[in-house]
C-alpha atoms as a PDB file:
ATOM      1  CA  MET A   1       0.000   0.000   0.000  1.00  0.00           C
ATOM      2  CA  LYS A   2       1.299   3.452  -0.944  1.00  0.00           C
ATOM      3  CA  TYR A   3       0.217   5.342   2.147  1.00  0.00           C
ATOM      4  CA  SER A   4       1.717   8.602   0.880  1.00  0.00           C
ATOM      5  CA  TYR A   5      -0.849   8.615  -1.942  1.00  0.00           C
ATOM      6  CA  LEU A   6      -3.617   9.201   0.597  1.00  0.00           C
ATOM      7  CA  PHE A   7      -4.915  12.747   0.661  1.00  0.00           C
ATOM      8  CA  LYS A   8      -4.299  15.302   3.373  1.00  0.00           C
ATOM      9  CA  SER A   9      -4.985  19.023   3.618  1.00  0.00           C
ATOM     10  CA  LYS A  10      -4.702  21.866   6.100  1.00  0.00           C
ATOM     11  CA  LEU A  11      -6.797  24.773   7.365  1.00  0.00           C
ATOM     12  CA  GLU A  12      -4.397  27.532   8.352  1.00  0.00           C
ATOM     13  CA  ASN A  13      -6.991  30.234   8.866  1.00  0.00           C
ATOM     14  CA  ILE A  14      -8.696  29.273  12.111  1.00  0.00           C
ATOM     15  CA  ASP A  15     -11.951  31.068  11.468  1.00  0.00           C
ATOM     16  CA  LYS A  16     -15.261  29.794  12.787  1.00  0.00           C
ATOM     17  CA  HIS A  17     -17.027  30.457   9.472  1.00  0.00           C
ATOM     18  CA  LEU A  18     -14.406  28.468   7.577  1.00  0.00           C
ATOM     19  CA  ILE A  19     -14.675  25.642  10.095  1.00  0.00           C
ATOM     20  CA  ALA A  20     -18.468  25.650   9.695  1.00  0.00           C
ATOM     21  CA  SER A  21     -18.284  25.459   5.908  1.00  0.00           C
ATOM     22  CA  THR A  22     -15.550  22.802   5.895  1.00  0.00           C
ATOM     23  CA  PHE A  23     -16.952  20.387   8.463  1.00  0.00           C
ATOM     24  CA  ASN A  24     -20.596  19.875   7.552  1.00  0.00           C
ATOM     25  CA  HIS A  25     -20.763  16.094   7.825  1.00  0.00           C
ATOM     26  CA  ASP A  26     -23.658  13.883   8.798  1.00  0.00           C
ATOM     27  CA  LEU A  27     -21.739  12.955  11.962  1.00  0.00           C
ATOM     28  CA  PHE A  28     -18.864  14.649  13.767  1.00  0.00           C
ATOM     29  CA  ILE A  29     -17.200  12.654  16.575  1.00  0.00           C
ATOM     30  CA  SER A  30     -14.870  14.150  19.185  1.00  0.00           C
ATOM     31  CA  ALA A  31     -13.438  13.138  22.561  1.00  0.00           C
ATOM     32  CA  TYR A  32     -13.979  15.841  25.153  1.00  0.00           C
ATOM     33  CA  ASN A  33     -11.258  17.493  27.180  1.00  0.00           C
ATOM     34  CA  GLU A  34     -10.764  21.099  28.256  1.00  0.00           C
ATOM     35  CA  SER A  35      -8.405  22.257  25.518  1.00  0.00           C
ATOM     36  CA  GLU A  36      -9.388  25.185  23.346  1.00  0.00           C
ATOM     37  CA  ARG A  37      -8.447  23.351  20.174  1.00  0.00           C
ATOM     38  CA  VAL A  38     -10.943  20.573  20.922  1.00  0.00           C
ATOM     39  CA  ASN A  39     -13.833  22.777  22.028  1.00  0.00           C
ATOM     40  CA  PHE A  40     -13.513  25.589  19.477  1.00  0.00           C
ATOM     41  CA  VAL A  41     -13.671  23.139  16.580  1.00  0.00           C
ATOM     42  CA  PHE A  42     -16.580  21.145  18.026  1.00  0.00           C
ATOM     43  CA  ASP A  43     -18.622  24.277  18.774  1.00  0.00           C
ATOM     44  CA  ASN A  44     -18.205  25.661  15.252  1.00  0.00           C
ATOM     45  CA  VAL A  45     -18.595  22.661  12.946  1.00  0.00           C
ATOM     46  CA  SER A  46     -21.966  22.642  11.188  1.00  0.00           C
ATOM     47  CA  SER A  47     -22.359  18.861  11.084  1.00  0.00           C
ATOM     48  CA  LYS A  48     -25.928  17.583  11.457  1.00  0.00           C
ATOM     49  CA  ASN A  49     -25.018  15.338  14.400  1.00  0.00           C
ATOM     50  CA  LYS A  50     -22.226  16.084  16.864  1.00  0.00           C
ATOM     51  CA  HIS A  51     -21.095  13.476  19.405  1.00  0.00           C
ATOM     52  CA  TRP A  52     -18.951  13.955  22.485  1.00  0.00           C
ATOM     53  CA  ILE A  53     -17.301  10.791  23.873  1.00  0.00           C
ATOM     54  CA  ILE A  54     -16.299  11.174  27.525  1.00  0.00           C
ATOM     55  CA  PHE A  55     -13.408   8.906  28.554  1.00  0.00           C
ATOM     56  CA  PRO A  56     -12.991   7.861  32.209  1.00  0.00           C
ATOM     57  CA  GLU A  57      -9.275   8.751  32.344  1.00  0.00           C
ATOM     58  CA  TYR A  58     -10.110  12.476  32.184  1.00  0.00           C
ATOM     59  CA  ASN A  59     -12.097  12.171  35.441  1.00  0.00           C
ATOM     60  CA  PHE A  60     -14.959  14.479  34.492  1.00  0.00           C
ATOM     61  CA  ASN A  61     -18.114  14.702  36.589  1.00  0.00           C
ATOM     62  CA  VAL A  62     -21.678  15.701  35.735  1.00  0.00           C
ATOM     63  CA  ILE A  63     -21.086  19.358  36.609  1.00  0.00           C
ATOM     64  CA  ASP A  64     -18.067  19.512  34.274  1.00  0.00           C
ATOM     65  CA  LEU A  65     -20.245  18.343  31.383  1.00  0.00           C
ATOM     66  CA  ALA A  66     -23.363  20.395  32.124  1.00  0.00           C
ATOM     67  CA  THR A  67     -22.731  23.166  29.581  1.00  0.00           C
ATOM     68  CA  LEU A  68     -21.674  21.000  26.646  1.00  0.00           C
ATOM     69  CA  SER A  69     -23.615  21.153  23.401  1.00  0.00           C
ATOM     70  CA  GLY A  70     -24.183  18.194  21.117  1.00  0.00           C
ATOM     71  CA  SER A  71     -24.935  14.618  22.133  1.00  0.00           C
ATOM     72  CA  ILE A  72     -22.934  13.395  25.126  1.00  0.00           C
ATOM     73  CA  PHE A  73     -21.959   9.749  25.539  1.00  0.00           C
ATOM     74  CA  ASP A  74     -20.514   9.641  29.013  1.00  0.00           C
ATOM     75  CA  TYR A  75     -18.251   6.733  29.939  1.00  0.00           C
ATOM     76  CA  SER A  76     -16.624   8.592  32.843  1.00  0.00           C
ATOM     77  CA  LYS A  77     -17.992   6.058  35.347  1.00  0.00           C
ATOM     78  CA  LYS A  78     -16.725   3.087  33.324  1.00  0.00           C
ATOM     79  CA  ALA A  79     -13.161   2.987  34.645  1.00  0.00           C
ATOM     80  CA  ASP A  80     -13.428  -0.795  34.966  1.00  0.00           C
ATOM     81  CA  GLU A  81     -14.051  -1.149  31.214  1.00  0.00           C
ATOM     82  CA  ASP A  82     -11.269  -1.193  28.646  1.00  0.00           C
ATOM     83  CA  GLU A  83     -10.884   0.672  25.373  1.00  0.00           C
ATOM     84  CA  ALA A  84     -12.535  -2.112  23.378  1.00  0.00           C
ATOM     85  CA  GLN A  85     -15.644  -2.254  25.571  1.00  0.00           C
ATOM     86  CA  ILE A  86     -16.158   1.510  25.557  1.00  0.00           C
ATOM     87  CA  ILE A  87     -15.510   2.106  21.852  1.00  0.00           C
ATOM     88  CA  THR A  88     -17.515  -0.958  20.797  1.00  0.00           C
ATOM     89  CA  HIS A  89     -20.466   0.132  22.948  1.00  0.00           C
ATOM     90  CA  TYR A  90     -20.350   3.637  21.497  1.00  0.00           C
ATOM     91  CA  TYR A  91     -20.023   2.399  17.917  1.00  0.00           C
ATOM     92  CA  GLU A  92     -22.718  -0.276  18.093  1.00  0.00           C
ATOM     93  CA  ASN A  93     -25.279   1.931  19.844  1.00  0.00           C
ATOM     94  CA  HIS A  94     -24.634   5.408  18.499  1.00  0.00           C
ATOM     95  CA  ALA A  95     -22.517   5.457  15.316  1.00  0.00           C
ATOM     96  CA  LYS A  96     -22.901   2.205  13.401  1.00  0.00           C
ATOM     97  CA  SER A  97     -25.988   3.278  11.440  1.00  0.00           C
ATOM     98  CA  PHE A  98     -24.128   6.274   9.998  1.00  0.00           C
ATOM     99  CA  PHE A  99     -21.422   4.010   8.608  1.00  0.00           C
ATOM    100  CA  GLU A 100     -23.830   1.340   7.367  1.00  0.00           C
ATOM    101  CA  ASN A 101     -25.901   3.940   5.524  1.00  0.00           C
ATOM    102  CA  LYS A 102     -22.796   5.477   3.889  1.00  0.00           C
ATOM    103  CA  LYS A 103     -23.216   8.787   5.677  1.00  0.00           C
ATOM    104  CA  SER A 104     -20.298  11.224   5.835  1.00  0.00           C
ATOM    105  CA  VAL A 105     -18.430  10.947   9.140  1.00  0.00           C
ATOM    106  CA  CYS A 106     -15.541  13.009  10.499  1.00  0.00           C
ATOM    107  CA  ILE A 107     -13.558  12.055  13.607  1.00  0.00           C
ATOM    108  CA  ASP A 108     -11.578  14.672  15.517  1.00  0.00           C
ATOM    109  CA  MET A 109      -8.773  12.678  17.107  1.00  0.00           C
ATOM    110  CA  THR A 110      -7.330  15.693  18.980  1.00  0.00           C
ATOM    111  CA  GLY A 111      -8.821  14.762  22.366  1.00  0.00           C
ATOM    112  CA  PHE A 112      -8.689  10.988  21.909  1.00  0.00           C
ATOM    113  CA  ILE A 113      -6.522   9.008  24.297  1.00  0.00           C
ATOM    114  CA  ARG A 114      -4.280   6.867  22.106  1.00  0.00           C
ATOM    115  CA  PRO A 115      -5.517   3.330  22.938  1.00  0.00           C
ATOM    116  CA  TYR A 116      -9.092   4.391  22.188  1.00  0.00           C
ATOM    117  CA  LEU A 117      -8.015   5.903  18.878  1.00  0.00           C
ATOM    118  CA  VAL A 118      -6.045   2.804  17.886  1.00  0.00           C
ATOM    119  CA  PHE A 119      -8.892   0.451  18.769  1.00  0.00           C
ATOM    120  CA  LEU A 120     -11.376   2.647  16.884  1.00  0.00           C
ATOM    121  CA  ILE A 121      -9.238   2.365  13.748  1.00  0.00           C
ATOM    122  CA  ARG A 122      -9.022  -1.402  14.235  1.00  0.00           C
ATOM    123  CA  LEU A 123     -12.799  -1.609  14.675  1.00  0.00           C
ATOM    124  CA  LEU A 124     -13.528   0.481  11.566  1.00  0.00           C
ATOM    125  CA  GLN A 125     -11.229  -1.752   9.531  1.00  0.00           C
ATOM    126  CA  GLN A 126     -12.851  -4.873  10.982  1.00  0.00           C
ATOM    127  CA  TYR A 127     -16.328  -3.628  10.048  1.00  0.00           C
ATOM    128  CA  GLY A 128     -15.235  -2.991   6.477  1.00  0.00           C
ATOM    129  CA  VAL A 129     -15.344   0.800   6.512  1.00  0.00           C
ATOM    130  CA  LYS A 130     -13.555   1.846   3.329  1.00  0.00           C
ATOM    131  CA  ASP A 131     -12.766   5.495   3.970  1.00  0.00           C
ATOM    132  CA  ILE A 132     -13.119   8.007   6.785  1.00  0.00           C
ATOM    133  CA  ASN A 133     -11.969  11.539   7.524  1.00  0.00           C
ATOM    134  CA  PHE A 134      -9.846  12.217  10.597  1.00  0.00           C
ATOM    135  CA  ILE A 135      -8.798  15.675  11.719  1.00  0.00           C
ATOM    136  CA  TYR A 136      -6.262  16.970  14.202  1.00  0.00           C
ATOM    137  CA  SER A 137      -5.910  20.518  15.559  1.00  0.00           C
ATOM    138  CA  GLU A 138      -2.282  21.454  16.133  1.00  0.00           C
ATOM    139  CA  PRO A 139      -1.566  23.533  19.246  1.00  0.00           C
ATOM    140  CA  SER A 140       0.265  26.844  19.284  1.00  0.00           C
ATOM    141  CA  ASN A 141       2.427  25.426  22.058  1.00  0.00           C
ATOM    142  CA  TYR A 142       2.496  23.060  25.019  1.00  0.00           C
ATOM    143  CA  ILE A 143       1.785  24.809  28.324  1.00  0.00           C
ATOM    144  CA  LYS A 144       4.940  23.677  30.131  1.00  0.00           C
ATOM    145  CA  LYS A 145       7.087  23.010  27.042  1.00  0.00           C
ATOM    146  CA  GLU A 146       9.088  19.791  27.450  1.00  0.00           C
ATOM    147  CA  ASP A 147       7.911  19.475  31.088  1.00  0.00           C
ATOM    148  CA  THR A 148       4.236  19.171  30.139  1.00  0.00           C
ATOM    149  CA  LEU A 149       2.564  16.331  32.067  1.00  0.00           C
ATOM    150  CA  PHE A 150       0.363  14.116  29.903  1.00  0.00           C
ATOM    151  CA  SER A 151      -0.435  11.097  32.060  1.00  0.00           C
ATOM    152  CA  GLU A 152      -0.421  10.062  35.717  1.00  0.00           C
ATOM    153  CA  ASP A 153      -1.064   6.968  37.833  1.00  0.00           C
ATOM    154  CA  PHE A 154       0.616   4.365  35.615  1.00  0.00           C
ATOM    155  CA  ASP A 155      -1.323   1.091  35.587  1.00  0.00           C
ATOM    156  CA  GLU A 156       0.107  -1.583  33.289  1.00  0.00           C
ATOM    157  CA  ILE A 157       1.751  -2.382  29.981  1.00  0.00           C
ATOM    158  CA  ARG A 158      -0.278  -4.574  27.656  1.00  0.00           C
ATOM    159  CA  ALA A 159      -1.370  -4.845  24.053  1.00  0.00           C
ATOM    160  CA  ILE A 160      -4.170  -2.562  22.929  1.00  0.00           C
ATOM    161  CA  LYS A 161      -7.298  -4.665  22.506  1.00  0.00           C
ATOM    162  CA  GLY A 162      -7.665  -6.054  18.996  1.00  0.00           C
ATOM    163  CA  CYS A 163      -3.963  -5.512  18.361  1.00  0.00           C
ATOM    164  CA  LEU A 164      -2.463  -8.626  19.930  1.00  0.00           C
ATOM    165  CA  ASN A 165      -1.361 -11.325  17.493  1.00  0.00           C
ATOM    166  CA  SER A 166       0.217 -14.731  18.013  1.00  0.00           C
ATOM    167  CA  HIS A 167       3.958 -14.333  18.514  1.00  0.00           C
ATOM    168  CA  ASN A 168       6.961 -16.539  17.826  1.00  0.00           C
ATOM    169  CA  PRO A 169       8.671 -18.301  20.723  1.00  0.00           C
ATOM    170  CA  ASP A 170      11.924 -17.356  18.994  1.00  0.00           C
ATOM    171  CA  THR A 171      12.765 -13.831  20.187  1.00  0.00           C
ATOM    172  CA  SER A 172      16.279 -13.582  18.743  1.00  0.00           C
ATOM    173  CA  ASN A 173      15.441 -10.716  16.386  1.00  0.00           C
ATOM    174  CA  ASP A 174      12.527  -8.931  18.046  1.00  0.00           C
ATOM    175  CA  ILE A 175      12.047  -5.264  17.163  1.00  0.00           C
ATOM    176  CA  LEU A 176      10.191  -2.633  19.180  1.00  0.00           C
ATOM    177  CA  ILE A 177       9.277   0.545  17.284  1.00  0.00           C
ATOM    178  CA  ILE A 178       8.435   3.421  19.630  1.00  0.00           C
ATOM    179  CA  GLY A 179       6.825   6.653  18.555  1.00  0.00           C
ATOM    180  CA  SER A 180       8.821   8.764  21.004  1.00  0.00           C
ATOM    181  CA  GLY A 181       7.116  11.932  22.184  1.00  0.00           C
ATOM    182  CA  TYR A 182       7.452  14.064  25.314  1.00  0.00           C
ATOM    183  CA  ASP A 183       6.418  11.377  27.811  1.00  0.00           C
ATOM    184  CA  ASN A 184       9.908  10.037  28.577  1.00  0.00           C
ATOM    185  CA  LYS A 185       8.750   8.036  31.625  1.00  0.00           C
ATOM    186  CA  MET A 186       6.409   6.000  29.456  1.00  0.00           C
ATOM    187  CA  ILE A 187       9.121   5.543  26.828  1.00  0.00           C
ATOM    188  CA  SER A 188      11.368   4.123  29.554  1.00  0.00           C
ATOM    189  CA  LYS A 189       8.637   1.784  30.812  1.00  0.00           C
ATOM    190  CA  ILE A 190       7.913   0.288  27.400  1.00  0.00           C
ATOM    191  CA  ALA A 191      11.645  -0.096  26.688  1.00  0.00           C
ATOM    192  CA  LYS A 192      12.109  -2.015  29.957  1.00  0.00           C
ATOM    193  CA  GLU A 193       9.126  -4.220  29.136  1.00  0.00           C
ATOM    194  CA  LYS A 194      10.844  -5.425  25.965  1.00  0.00           C
ATOM    195  CA  ALA A 195      14.394  -5.260  27.263  1.00  0.00           C
ATOM    196  CA  GLU A 196      15.767  -7.836  24.805  1.00  0.00           C
ATOM    197  CA  ALA A 197      14.192  -6.306  21.705  1.00  0.00           C
ATOM    198  CA  ARG A 198      16.062  -3.927  19.449  1.00  0.00           C
ATOM    199  CA  LYS A 199      14.561  -0.473  19.942  1.00  0.00           C
ATOM    200  CA  ILE A 200      13.747   1.826  17.024  1.00  0.00           C
ATOM    201  CA  GLN A 201      12.498   5.324  17.742  1.00  0.00           C
ATOM    202  CA  ILE A 202      10.258   7.412  15.509  1.00  0.00           C
ATOM    203  CA  LEU A 203      10.932  11.101  16.080  1.00  0.00           C
ATOM    204  CA  GLY A 204       8.695  13.840  14.748  1.00  0.00           C
ATOM    205  CA  PHE A 205      10.746  15.720  12.180  1.00  0.00           C
ATOM    206  CA  PRO A 206       9.708  18.122  10.864  1.00  0.00           C
ATOM    207  CA  SER A 207       7.906  18.794  14.142  1.00  0.00           C
ATOM    208  CA  LEU A 208       4.617  20.617  14.620  1.00  0.00           C
ATOM    209  CA  LYS A 209       6.627  23.721  15.563  1.00  0.00           C
ATOM    210  CA  ALA A 210      10.351  24.380  15.279  1.00  0.00           C
ATOM    211  CA  ASP A 211      10.900  24.522  19.047  1.00  0.00           C
ATOM    212  CA  MET A 212       8.895  21.330  19.618  1.00  0.00           C
ATOM    213  CA  PHE A 213      11.583  19.150  18.026  1.00  0.00           C
ATOM    214  CA  GLN A 214      14.139  20.518  20.480  1.00  0.00           C
ATOM    215  CA  GLU A 215      11.715  19.941  23.375  1.00  0.00           C
ATOM    216  CA  ASN A 216      11.078  16.403  22.122  1.00  0.00           C
ATOM    217  CA  ILE A 217      14.795  15.598  21.938  1.00  0.00           C
ATOM    218  CA  LEU A 218      15.346  16.921  25.464  1.00  0.00           C
ATOM    219  CA  LYS A 219      12.757  14.464  26.805  1.00  0.00           C
ATOM    220  CA  VAL A 220      13.953  11.577  24.636  1.00  0.00           C
ATOM    221  CA  TYR A 221      17.461  11.939  26.055  1.00  0.00           C
ATOM    222  CA  GLU A 222      16.034  11.246  29.527  1.00  0.00           C
ATOM    223  CA  SER A 223      14.890   7.765  28.501  1.00  0.00           C
ATOM    224  CA  GLN A 224      18.016   6.664  26.653  1.00  0.00           C
ATOM    225  CA  GLU A 225      19.474   4.499  29.378  1.00  0.00           C
ATOM    226  CA  GLU A 226      16.609   2.043  28.824  1.00  0.00           C
ATOM    227  CA  ILE A 227      16.536   2.533  25.045  1.00  0.00           C
ATOM    228  CA  SER A 228      20.184   2.284  24.068  1.00  0.00           C
ATOM    229  CA  GLY A 229      22.293   2.189  27.200  1.00  0.00           C
ATOM    230  CA  GLY A 230      22.647   5.961  27.092  1.00  0.00           C
ATOM    231  CA  ASP A 231      24.163   6.073  23.602  1.00  0.00           C
ATOM    232  CA  PHE A 232      21.839   8.262  21.521  1.00  0.00           C
ATOM    233  CA  SER A 233      22.180  10.237  18.321  1.00  0.00           C
ATOM    234  CA  ILE A 234      19.473  11.515  16.005  1.00  0.00           C
ATOM    235  CA  ASP A 235      21.900  10.771  13.148  1.00  0.00           C
ATOM    236  CA  ASP A 236      21.721   7.041  13.892  1.00  0.00           C
ATOM    237  CA  ASN A 237      20.106   5.762  10.695  1.00  0.00           C
ATOM    238  CA  ASN A 238      19.967   2.223  12.079  1.00  0.00           C
ATOM    239  CA  ASN A 239      17.803   2.998  15.105  1.00  0.00           C
ATOM    240  CA  ILE A 240      16.072   6.314  14.357  1.00  0.00           C
ATOM    241  CA  ILE A 241      13.216   7.000  11.938  1.00  0.00           C
ATOM    242  CA  LEU A 242      12.580  10.675  11.282  1.00  0.00           C
ATOM    243  CA  ALA A 243       8.981  11.104  10.126  1.00  0.00           C
ATOM    244  CA  PRO A 244       6.857  14.275   9.943  1.00  0.00           C
ATOM    245  CA  ALA A 245       5.077  14.790  13.256  1.00  0.00           C
ATOM    246  CA  ASN A 246       1.842  15.776  11.502  1.00  0.00           C
ATOM    247  CA  ASP A 247       1.765  13.213   8.667  1.00  0.00           C
ATOM    248  CA  PRO A 248       0.293   9.764   9.423  1.00  0.00           C
ATOM    249  CA  PHE A 249       0.691   8.584   5.840  1.00  0.00           C
ATOM    250  CA  VAL A 250       4.411   9.244   5.559  1.00  0.00           C
ATOM    251  CA  THR A 251       4.835   7.747   9.050  1.00  0.00           C
ATOM    252  CA  ALA A 252       3.062   4.548   7.964  1.00  0.00           C
ATOM    253  CA  GLU A 253       5.103   4.333   4.782  1.00  0.00           C
ATOM    254  CA  MET A 254       8.391   4.861   6.596  1.00  0.00           C
ATOM    255  CA  ILE A 255       7.560   2.141   9.128  1.00  0.00           C
ATOM    256  CA  SER A 256       6.593  -0.181   6.282  1.00  0.00           C
ATOM    257  CA  ASP A 257       9.804   0.518   4.371  1.00  0.00           C
ATOM    258  CA  PHE A 258      11.949   0.090   7.477  1.00  0.00           C
ATOM    259  CA  VAL A 259      10.346  -3.232   8.455  1.00  0.00           C
ATOM    260  CA  SER A 260      10.629  -4.538   4.905  1.00  0.00           C
ATOM    261  CA  LYS A 261      14.331  -3.694   4.670  1.00  0.00           C
ATOM    262  CA  GLU A 262      15.121  -5.155   8.083  1.00  0.00           C
ATOM    263  CA  HIS A 263      13.201  -8.333   7.353  1.00  0.00           C
ATOM    264  CA  LYS A 264      15.217  -8.860   4.170  1.00  0.00           C
ATOM    265  CA  LYS A 265      18.465  -8.533   6.111  1.00  0.00           C
ATOM    266  CA  LYS A 266      17.341 -10.987   8.780  1.00  0.00           C
ATOM    267  CA  PRO A 267      13.786 -12.221   9.397  1.00  0.00           C
ATOM    268  CA  ILE A 268      12.134 -10.298  12.219  1.00  0.00           C
ATOM    269  CA  THR A 269      10.985 -12.769  14.857  1.00  0.00           C
ATOM    270  CA  ASN A 270       8.413 -10.483  16.523  1.00  0.00           C
ATOM    271  CA  LEU A 271       7.417  -6.884  15.872  1.00  0.00           C
ATOM    272  CA  TYR A 272       6.065  -4.588  18.558  1.00  0.00           C
ATOM    273  CA  LEU A 273       4.729  -1.076  17.973  1.00  0.00           C
ATOM    274  CA  CYS A 274       4.171   1.568  20.642  1.00  0.00           C
ATOM    275  CA  PRO A 275       2.499   4.929  19.811  1.00  0.00           C
ATOM    276  CA  LEU A 276       3.735   7.567  22.282  1.00  0.00           C
ATOM    277  CA  SER A 277       4.249  10.489  19.903  1.00  0.00           C
ATOM    278  CA  THR A 278       1.740  12.751  18.123  1.00  0.00           C
ATOM    279  CA  LYS A 279      -1.815  11.679  17.338  1.00  0.00           C
ATOM    280  CA  ALA A 280      -0.953  11.932  13.641  1.00  0.00           C
ATOM    281  CA  GLN A 281       1.894   9.451  14.055  1.00  0.00           C
ATOM    282  CA  THR A 282      -0.383   7.272  16.198  1.00  0.00           C
ATOM    283  CA  LEU A 283      -2.854   7.219  13.323  1.00  0.00           C
ATOM    284  CA  GLY A 284      -0.027   6.291  10.959  1.00  0.00           C
ATOM    285  CA  MET A 285       1.169   3.451  13.175  1.00  0.00           C
ATOM    286  CA  ALA A 286      -2.370   2.083  13.515  1.00  0.00           C
ATOM    287  CA  LEU A 287      -2.960   2.353   9.772  1.00  0.00           C
ATOM    288  CA  TYR A 288       0.238   0.410   9.097  1.00  0.00           C
ATOM    289  CA  TYR A 289      -0.795  -2.261  11.614  1.00  0.00           C
ATOM    290  CA  VAL A 290      -4.283  -2.872  10.197  1.00  0.00           C
ATOM    291  CA  SER A 291      -2.951  -2.803   6.626  1.00  0.00           C
ATOM    292  CA  GLU A 292       0.075  -5.092   6.963  1.00  0.00           C
ATOM    293  CA  CYS A 293       0.318  -6.781  10.361  1.00  0.00           C
ATOM    294  CA  LEU A 294      -2.923  -8.629  11.083  1.00  0.00           C
ATOM    295  CA  THR A 295      -1.504 -11.996  10.025  1.00  0.00           C
ATOM    296  CA  GLU A 296       2.029 -11.335  11.279  1.00  0.00           C
ATOM    297  CA  PRO A 297       3.672 -11.836  14.707  1.00  0.00           C
ATOM    298  CA  ALA A 298       3.080  -8.178  15.507  1.00  0.00           C
ATOM    299  CA  SER A 299       1.238  -6.287  18.242  1.00  0.00           C
ATOM    300  CA  ILE A 300       0.671  -2.730  19.427  1.00  0.00           C
ATOM    301  CA  LEU A 301       1.745  -2.281  23.050  1.00  0.00           C
ATOM    302  CA  TYR A 302       0.901   0.630  25.318  1.00  0.00           C
ATOM    303  CA  PRO A 303       1.780   1.753  28.861  1.00  0.00           C
ATOM    304  CA  PHE A 304      -1.675   2.444  30.272  1.00  0.00           C
ATOM    305  CA  SER A 305      -2.397   5.087  32.898  1.00  0.00           C
ATOM    306  CA  ASN A 306      -5.517   5.765  34.955  1.00  0.00           C
ATOM    307  CA  LYS A 307      -5.396   9.546  34.590  1.00  0.00           C
ATOM    308  CA  TYR A 308      -4.684  11.932  31.706  1.00  0.00           C
ATOM    309  CA  SER A 309      -4.341  15.705  31.763  1.00  0.00           C
ATOM    310  CA  ARG A 310      -7.452  17.525  30.593  1.00  0.00           C
ATOM    311  CA  GLU A 311      -5.471  20.374  29.057  1.00  0.00           C
ATOM    312  CA  THR A 312      -1.833  20.435  27.979  1.00  0.00           C
ATOM    313  CA  THR A 313      -1.787  23.063  25.222  1.00  0.00           C
ATOM    314  CA  GLU A 314      -2.584  26.644  24.333  1.00  0.00           C
ATOM    315  CA  GLY A 315      -4.201  27.939  21.161  1.00  0.00           C
ATOM    316  CA  ILE A 316      -4.728  26.450  17.713  1.00  0.00           C
ATOM    317  CA  SER A 317      -2.203  26.886  14.931  1.00  0.00           C
ATOM    318  CA  ASN A 318      -4.030  24.964  12.182  1.00  0.00           C
ATOM    319  CA  ILE A 319      -6.335  22.032  11.515  1.00  0.00           C
ATOM    320  CA  LEU A 320      -5.088  19.009   9.572  1.00  0.00           C
ATOM    321  CA  ILE A 321      -7.487  16.833   7.578  1.00  0.00           C
ATOM    322  CA  TYR A 322      -6.643  13.214   6.735  1.00  0.00           C
ATOM    323  CA  GLU A 323      -8.676  11.134   4.288  1.00  0.00           C
ATOM    324  CA  VAL A 324      -7.978   7.591   5.458  1.00  0.00           C
ATOM    325  CA  GLN A 325      -8.670   4.563   3.245  1.00  0.00           C
ATOM    326  CA  PHE A 326      -8.417   0.989   4.461  1.00  0.00           C
END
């Protein structure tokens, strides 16, 4: 699959009238948090049906949600349910008819917590959805730069539901590909989990903003003892993949090319993917998985936490539109 042939576009003029005229779908789906870039877009799209999904990890209560417009599907009290149970319940009961009747659907992945986003992509592929629009609103900056806190209360490392395949008992040439973002503690945890695997890092370059690449590198350095024994260089072509932070299609293609080349050198025994970078790169990693890995010894792992920050950014710089085809 030539992922880079898939279409993407950008809204650089963040104007509510332009948003209204651009996003006039039959269904617009978003995951609620308190960031301006999530709420401004949701409030101004002119889609016929607008759905908020409320994830338990944001710890919202009824009062927090009282002023929201649109239809609210509140799973905040479902902390004992996993990403598959919540997304499947939402899809089966509230969204499936739109897809079955070929209605136009747009999903804003900006507020999605990554395991939910990955499982949603897996579910759409499983149900035979052929194409779907995803959007992502880039921030002007992160509130605390490289010290921004994204997750708290670490729980466990496991495969994202629907993304666990049968693996080889031979682990002599296992590879772990990590989308390395700002959350260096989680990068360290996943690296320790697969201590014997060769670690490959995907870094967002070009980054969303020029200073964000520097901030990203500063955090990545903090996890390098677990990744490479402290020996790290962004010029290491053998263990670093530089992919655009805002382009899921180039990310997917670069992962595909890398895996293909490595497998020709020496068959990969098991492949593990871990999306800890931008939502765009998460989308790219998930797209690669559902397109090429479903019958392979490959899985998507994730370090799960019980709490995620409701707001980590300021402003909106632009809105990216991705036309995904399975």
